[in-house]
Structure formats: C-alpha cells, structure tokens
Amino acid sequence: MTERRIDIVSGQEPPTCPRCRQEGLLLARVPYGWTNEGGVAVEGRNGVVLCAACDTDTPYAAQLITWFHVHGTVEAGHSEEFLRLLAEWAEQISVPPLDRQRLETEIEQWRRGRAART
C-alpha cells in the first residue's frame, strides 16, 4: 500500500473556509487523481480546510477542533497529542472524484460567458 502524503500548510493568516467563508483552523494539501479518457493518470493536490463551523459534526475533525479550542497553538508539551489527532483527521480526508459532466457544464458556461464579453 502506498503511503498518502498530506501536507499541512502554515502561514501568518489562518485559512478561509471555502464553504462558509469563516476563519478556518488548518489547511492541508491532499492528493487526488483520476485516469483520463486516454488512460493517463492525472494527479494533483487540493487544499482542504479544517473549519470549526463546518466540520464540527465530522468525527475525526471534531476531536482536532476541540484540541485547537483548548490549546490554540502547537507547543512542545502538546505536540504528540496534536500529531495523533492530525493523523487521524488526515486519514479521513478525501477529494471527491472528478464529476466529468459537471466539469463539462462549467466549461461550457464559462465559454458562453466569455464569448458574450468579446
């Protein structure tokens, strides 16, 4: 079994949740991919935000959210517990497979909108 590498992205500003537009707690980059019509693997990484508002009912996310509410930031004395909770959450992260019909519809809408402006 191939290990799935998930990167945690840190920055000066907290990430914004793309679902609710509120401040998120953590941004992770997760791998995704599919095989195109030519049989070639298409792979990439997608950002996933841990959000206290949106993910509160998600089992592994809820534990990590609680950890952030209690500790705020990662410090040496709490790093082992944080890493354990982070690994449990990260294992549950997935990027939905590509919806080819939706993609084609969005491309067509974009083309029509773009053509109307030119």
N, C-alpha and C. Protein backbone atom coordinates (compact mmCIF):
# COMPACT_ATOMS: atom_id res chain seq x y z
N MET A 1 0.83 -1.18 0.00
CA MET A 1 0.00 0.00 0.00
C MET A 1 0.88 1.24 0.00
N THR A 2 0.61 2.20 -0.87
CA THR A 2 1.38 3.42 -0.97
C THR A 2 0.93 4.39 0.10
N GLU A 3 1.91 5.01 0.76
CA GLU A 3 1.58 6.00 1.78
C GLU A 3 1.09 7.27 1.10
N ARG A 4 0.03 7.82 1.62
CA ARG A 4 -0.56 9.04 1.08
C ARG A 4 0.00 10.23 1.83
N ARG A 5 0.71 11.10 1.13
CA ARG A 5 1.34 12.26 1.77
C ARG A 5 0.36 13.43 1.81
N ILE A 6 0.11 13.91 3.01
CA ILE A 6 -0.75 15.07 3.22
C ILE A 6 0.10 16.15 3.87
N ASP A 7 0.14 17.33 3.23
CA ASP A 7 0.95 18.43 3.73
C ASP A 7 0.08 19.42 4.49
N ILE A 8 0.58 19.87 5.63
CA ILE A 8 -0.08 20.92 6.40
C ILE A 8 0.56 22.24 5.99
N VAL A 9 -0.27 23.20 5.61
CA VAL A 9 0.21 24.49 5.14
C VAL A 9 0.07 25.50 6.28
N SER A 10 1.18 26.15 6.61
CA SER A 10 1.10 27.16 7.67
C SER A 10 1.42 28.53 7.07
N GLY A 11 0.85 29.52 7.67
CA GLY A 11 1.06 30.89 7.20
C GLY A 11 0.75 31.87 8.31
N GLN A 12 0.95 33.13 8.01
CA GLN A 12 0.70 34.18 9.00
C GLN A 12 -0.80 34.32 9.30
N GLU A 13 -1.62 34.17 8.28
CA GLU A 13 -3.06 34.32 8.43
C GLU A 13 -3.73 32.95 8.42
N PRO A 14 -4.77 32.76 9.21
CA PRO A 14 -5.50 31.49 9.16
C PRO A 14 -6.19 31.32 7.81
N PRO A 15 -6.40 30.09 7.38
CA PRO A 15 -7.06 29.88 6.10
C PRO A 15 -8.54 30.26 6.18
N THR A 16 -9.11 30.60 5.04
CA THR A 16 -10.54 30.89 4.96
C THR A 16 -11.25 29.63 4.48
N CYS A 17 -12.31 29.26 5.17
CA CYS A 17 -13.09 28.09 4.78
C CYS A 17 -13.83 28.40 3.48
N PRO A 18 -13.64 27.58 2.45
CA PRO A 18 -14.33 27.85 1.19
C PRO A 18 -15.84 27.56 1.25
N ARG A 19 -16.29 26.85 2.29
CA ARG A 19 -17.71 26.52 2.40
C ARG A 19 -18.50 27.64 3.05
N CYS A 20 -17.98 28.19 4.16
CA CYS A 20 -18.74 29.20 4.91
C CYS A 20 -18.09 30.58 4.91
N ARG A 21 -16.87 30.66 4.38
CA ARG A 21 -16.10 31.91 4.30
C ARG A 21 -15.63 32.42 5.66
N GLN A 22 -15.76 31.61 6.71
CA GLN A 22 -15.26 31.99 8.03
C GLN A 22 -13.80 31.56 8.16
N GLU A 23 -13.18 31.99 9.23
CA GLU A 23 -11.78 31.64 9.51
C GLU A 23 -11.67 30.16 9.83
N GLY A 24 -10.79 29.47 9.12
CA GLY A 24 -10.55 28.06 9.37
C GLY A 24 -9.44 27.86 10.39
N LEU A 25 -9.24 26.63 10.80
CA LEU A 25 -8.22 26.31 11.80
C LEU A 25 -6.93 25.78 11.18
N LEU A 26 -7.06 25.12 10.03
CA LEU A 26 -5.92 24.42 9.47
C LEU A 26 -6.16 24.21 7.97
N LEU A 27 -5.09 24.28 7.19
CA LEU A 27 -5.16 24.00 5.76
C LEU A 27 -4.24 22.83 5.45
N ALA A 28 -4.78 21.81 4.81
CA ALA A 28 -4.00 20.65 4.41
C ALA A 28 -4.09 20.49 2.89
N ARG A 29 -3.00 20.05 2.28
CA ARG A 29 -2.99 19.73 0.85
C ARG A 29 -3.02 18.21 0.72
N VAL A 30 -4.05 17.70 0.05
CA VAL A 30 -4.22 16.25 -0.08
C VAL A 30 -4.15 15.84 -1.55
N PRO A 31 -3.63 14.64 -1.79
CA PRO A 31 -3.54 14.17 -3.17
C PRO A 31 -4.90 13.75 -3.72
N TYR A 32 -5.06 13.90 -5.01
CA TYR A 32 -6.24 13.39 -5.70
C TYR A 32 -5.82 12.97 -7.10
N GLY A 33 -6.67 12.29 -7.77
CA GLY A 33 -6.35 11.90 -9.13
C GLY A 33 -7.41 11.05 -9.77
N TRP A 34 -7.28 10.89 -11.06
CA TRP A 34 -8.16 10.04 -11.84
C TRP A 34 -7.41 9.66 -13.11
N THR A 35 -8.00 8.76 -13.86
CA THR A 35 -7.43 8.36 -15.14
C THR A 35 -8.27 9.01 -16.24
N ASN A 36 -7.61 9.73 -17.14
CA ASN A 36 -8.37 10.42 -18.19
C ASN A 36 -8.79 9.44 -19.28
N GLU A 37 -9.50 9.94 -20.28
CA GLU A 37 -10.03 9.07 -21.34
C GLU A 37 -8.92 8.39 -22.13
N GLY A 38 -7.71 8.96 -22.15
CA GLY A 38 -6.59 8.36 -22.85
C GLY A 38 -5.86 7.33 -22.01
N GLY A 39 -6.35 7.08 -20.78
CA GLY A 39 -5.73 6.10 -19.91
C GLY A 39 -4.54 6.63 -19.12
N VAL A 40 -4.34 7.95 -19.16
CA VAL A 40 -3.22 8.57 -18.46
C VAL A 40 -3.67 9.04 -17.08
N ALA A 41 -2.85 8.76 -16.09
CA ALA A 41 -3.17 9.20 -14.72
C ALA A 41 -3.00 10.71 -14.62
N VAL A 42 -4.00 11.37 -14.05
CA VAL A 42 -3.96 12.81 -13.79
C VAL A 42 -3.94 12.95 -12.28
N GLU A 43 -2.87 13.54 -11.76
CA GLU A 43 -2.73 13.65 -10.32
C GLU A 43 -2.48 15.10 -9.92
N GLY A 44 -2.86 15.42 -8.71
CA GLY A 44 -2.64 16.76 -8.20
C GLY A 44 -2.83 16.79 -6.70
N ARG A 45 -2.87 18.01 -6.16
CA ARG A 45 -3.09 18.20 -4.73
C ARG A 45 -4.16 19.28 -4.59
N ASN A 46 -5.01 19.10 -3.60
CA ASN A 46 -6.10 20.04 -3.37
C ASN A 46 -6.09 20.47 -1.92
N GLY A 47 -6.39 21.73 -1.67
CA GLY A 47 -6.44 22.24 -0.30
C GLY A 47 -7.75 21.90 0.39
N VAL A 48 -7.65 21.46 1.63
CA VAL A 48 -8.81 21.15 2.46
C VAL A 48 -8.65 21.92 3.76
N VAL A 49 -9.67 22.67 4.13
CA VAL A 49 -9.63 23.48 5.35
C VAL A 49 -10.40 22.79 6.47
N LEU A 50 -9.78 22.71 7.64
CA LEU A 50 -10.48 22.26 8.84
C LEU A 50 -11.20 23.48 9.40
N CYS A 51 -12.52 23.40 9.50
CA CYS A 51 -13.34 24.54 9.90
C CYS A 51 -14.18 24.18 11.12
N ALA A 52 -14.09 25.00 12.16
CA ALA A 52 -14.85 24.74 13.39
C ALA A 52 -16.36 24.81 13.14
N ALA A 53 -16.79 25.64 12.19
CA ALA A 53 -18.22 25.76 11.91
C ALA A 53 -18.74 24.62 11.04
N CYS A 54 -18.00 24.27 10.00
CA CYS A 54 -18.47 23.28 9.03
C CYS A 54 -18.17 21.83 9.41
N ASP A 55 -17.09 21.60 10.14
CA ASP A 55 -16.64 20.23 10.41
C ASP A 55 -16.94 19.74 11.81
N THR A 56 -17.71 20.47 12.56
CA THR A 56 -17.94 20.13 13.96
C THR A 56 -18.60 18.76 14.15
N ASP A 57 -19.39 18.31 13.18
CA ASP A 57 -20.06 17.01 13.30
C ASP A 57 -19.28 15.87 12.66
N THR A 58 -18.12 16.16 12.11
CA THR A 58 -17.28 15.14 11.49
C THR A 58 -16.45 14.50 12.59
N PRO A 59 -16.57 13.19 12.81
CA PRO A 59 -15.94 12.56 13.97
C PRO A 59 -14.45 12.89 14.19
N TYR A 60 -13.60 12.66 13.23
CA TYR A 60 -12.17 12.91 13.46
C TYR A 60 -11.85 14.40 13.47
N ALA A 61 -12.61 15.18 12.74
CA ALA A 61 -12.40 16.62 12.75
C ALA A 61 -12.80 17.22 14.09
N ALA A 62 -13.87 16.73 14.67
CA ALA A 62 -14.38 17.28 15.93
C ALA A 62 -13.33 17.21 17.03
N GLN A 63 -12.59 16.10 17.10
CA GLN A 63 -11.55 15.97 18.13
C GLN A 63 -10.43 16.98 17.91
N LEU A 64 -10.05 17.20 16.66
CA LEU A 64 -8.99 18.15 16.35
C LEU A 64 -9.47 19.58 16.60
N ILE A 65 -10.71 19.87 16.29
CA ILE A 65 -11.29 21.19 16.55
C ILE A 65 -11.26 21.47 18.06
N THR A 66 -11.66 20.49 18.84
CA THR A 66 -11.64 20.65 20.30
C THR A 66 -10.22 20.91 20.77
N TRP A 67 -9.24 20.20 20.21
CA TRP A 67 -7.85 20.41 20.60
C TRP A 67 -7.45 21.86 20.35
N PHE A 68 -7.81 22.41 19.19
CA PHE A 68 -7.48 23.81 18.88
C PHE A 68 -8.16 24.77 19.85
N HIS A 69 -9.41 24.48 20.24
CA HIS A 69 -10.11 25.36 21.18
C HIS A 69 -9.45 25.34 22.56
N VAL A 70 -8.91 24.21 22.96
CA VAL A 70 -8.26 24.08 24.27
C VAL A 70 -6.85 24.66 24.25
N HIS A 71 -6.06 24.32 23.22
CA HIS A 71 -4.63 24.67 23.21
C HIS A 71 -4.28 25.87 22.34
N GLY A 72 -5.05 26.16 21.33
CA GLY A 72 -4.79 27.31 20.47
C GLY A 72 -3.69 27.07 19.45
N THR A 73 -2.48 26.87 19.91
CA THR A 73 -1.35 26.65 19.02
C THR A 73 -0.59 25.40 19.45
N VAL A 74 0.24 24.92 18.55
CA VAL A 74 1.03 23.71 18.83
C VAL A 74 2.31 24.11 19.56
N GLU A 75 2.50 23.56 20.73
CA GLU A 75 3.72 23.79 21.50
C GLU A 75 4.28 22.44 21.92
N ALA A 76 5.53 22.41 22.28
CA ALA A 76 6.25 21.16 22.56
C ALA A 76 5.50 20.22 23.50
N GLY A 77 4.89 20.72 24.54
CA GLY A 77 4.23 19.87 25.51
C GLY A 77 2.98 19.17 25.01
N HIS A 78 2.41 19.67 23.93
CA HIS A 78 1.17 19.11 23.40
C HIS A 78 1.31 18.58 21.98
N SER A 79 2.52 18.58 21.45
CA SER A 79 2.70 18.24 20.04
C SER A 79 2.38 16.77 19.74
N GLU A 80 2.66 15.86 20.66
CA GLU A 80 2.39 14.45 20.40
C GLU A 80 0.90 14.19 20.25
N GLU A 81 0.10 14.75 21.13
CA GLU A 81 -1.35 14.60 21.05
C GLU A 81 -1.87 15.26 19.76
N PHE A 82 -1.35 16.44 19.44
CA PHE A 82 -1.76 17.12 18.21
C PHE A 82 -1.46 16.27 16.98
N LEU A 83 -0.27 15.71 16.90
CA LEU A 83 0.11 14.89 15.75
C LEU A 83 -0.77 13.66 15.62
N ARG A 84 -1.13 13.06 16.74
CA ARG A 84 -2.02 11.89 16.71
C ARG A 84 -3.39 12.28 16.15
N LEU A 85 -3.96 13.37 16.66
CA LEU A 85 -5.27 13.83 16.18
C LEU A 85 -5.21 14.28 14.73
N LEU A 86 -4.13 14.94 14.37
CA LEU A 86 -3.95 15.39 12.99
C LEU A 86 -3.89 14.20 12.04
N ALA A 87 -3.13 13.16 12.42
CA ALA A 87 -3.01 11.97 11.57
C ALA A 87 -4.37 11.28 11.42
N GLU A 88 -5.15 11.19 12.49
CA GLU A 88 -6.48 10.57 12.41
C GLU A 88 -7.39 11.36 11.47
N TRP A 89 -7.36 12.69 11.58
CA TRP A 89 -8.18 13.54 10.70
C TRP A 89 -7.71 13.41 9.25
N ALA A 90 -6.40 13.49 9.06
CA ALA A 90 -5.84 13.47 7.70
C ALA A 90 -6.17 12.17 6.98
N GLU A 91 -6.21 11.06 7.70
CA GLU A 91 -6.53 9.78 7.07
C GLU A 91 -7.96 9.76 6.53
N GLN A 92 -8.83 10.58 7.07
CA GLN A 92 -10.23 10.60 6.65
C GLN A 92 -10.50 11.60 5.53
N ILE A 93 -9.53 12.46 5.24
CA ILE A 93 -9.70 13.47 4.19
C ILE A 93 -9.70 12.80 2.84
N SER A 94 -10.64 13.18 2.02
CA SER A 94 -10.64 12.69 0.64
C SER A 94 -11.17 13.79 -0.27
N VAL A 95 -10.70 13.76 -1.49
CA VAL A 95 -11.19 14.68 -2.50
C VAL A 95 -12.13 13.87 -3.37
N PRO A 96 -13.37 14.34 -3.54
CA PRO A 96 -14.32 13.57 -4.35
C PRO A 96 -13.79 13.37 -5.77
N PRO A 97 -14.17 12.26 -6.39
CA PRO A 97 -13.72 12.04 -7.77
C PRO A 97 -14.27 13.12 -8.70
N LEU A 98 -13.58 13.32 -9.79
CA LEU A 98 -13.99 14.31 -10.77
C LEU A 98 -15.36 13.97 -11.35
N ASP A 99 -16.25 14.93 -11.34
CA ASP A 99 -17.55 14.79 -11.98
C ASP A 99 -17.41 15.37 -13.38
N ARG A 100 -17.15 14.50 -14.35
CA ARG A 100 -16.85 14.96 -15.71
C ARG A 100 -18.01 15.76 -16.32
N GLN A 101 -19.23 15.37 -16.05
CA GLN A 101 -20.38 16.10 -16.60
C GLN A 101 -20.43 17.51 -16.03
N ARG A 102 -20.23 17.62 -14.74
CA ARG A 102 -20.24 18.95 -14.11
C ARG A 102 -19.11 19.82 -14.66
N LEU A 103 -17.94 19.22 -14.83
CA LEU A 103 -16.81 19.95 -15.39
C LEU A 103 -17.14 20.46 -16.79
N GLU A 104 -17.68 19.60 -17.64
CA GLU A 104 -18.04 20.00 -19.00
C GLU A 104 -19.09 21.11 -18.99
N THR A 105 -20.06 21.01 -18.09
CA THR A 105 -21.09 22.04 -17.97
C THR A 105 -20.46 23.38 -17.57
N GLU A 106 -19.56 23.35 -16.60
CA GLU A 106 -18.90 24.59 -16.16
C GLU A 106 -18.03 25.18 -17.26
N ILE A 107 -17.34 24.33 -18.00
CA ILE A 107 -16.51 24.82 -19.12
C ILE A 107 -17.39 25.49 -20.16
N GLU A 108 -18.51 24.86 -20.48
CA GLU A 108 -19.42 25.44 -21.47
C GLU A 108 -20.00 26.76 -20.99
N GLN A 109 -20.36 26.83 -19.73
CA GLN A 109 -20.89 28.09 -19.17
C GLN A 109 -19.82 29.18 -19.22
N TRP A 110 -18.60 28.82 -18.91
CA TRP A 110 -17.50 29.78 -18.95
C TRP A 110 -17.30 30.28 -20.38
N ARG A 111 -17.32 29.37 -21.34
CA ARG A 111 -17.13 29.76 -22.75
C ARG A 111 -18.24 30.70 -23.20
N ARG A 112 -19.46 30.39 -22.84
CA ARG A 112 -20.58 31.26 -23.24
C ARG A 112 -20.47 32.63 -22.59
N GLY A 113 -20.09 32.67 -21.32
CA GLY A 113 -19.91 33.96 -20.64
C GLY A 113 -18.76 34.76 -21.23
N ARG A 114 -17.70 34.08 -21.55
CA ARG A 114 -16.51 34.73 -22.14
C ARG A 114 -16.83 35.21 -23.55
N ALA A 115 -17.53 34.41 -24.32
CA ALA A 115 -17.87 34.79 -25.69
C ALA A 115 -18.79 36.00 -25.70
N ALA A 116 -19.65 36.12 -24.69
CA ALA A 116 -20.58 37.24 -24.64
C ALA A 116 -19.86 38.56 -24.38
N ARG A 117 -18.71 38.52 -23.73
CA ARG A 117 -17.96 39.75 -23.41
C ARG A 117 -17.08 40.21 -24.54
N THR A 118 -16.74 39.34 -25.49
CA THR A 118 -15.81 39.72 -26.56
C THR A 118 -16.52 40.31 -27.75
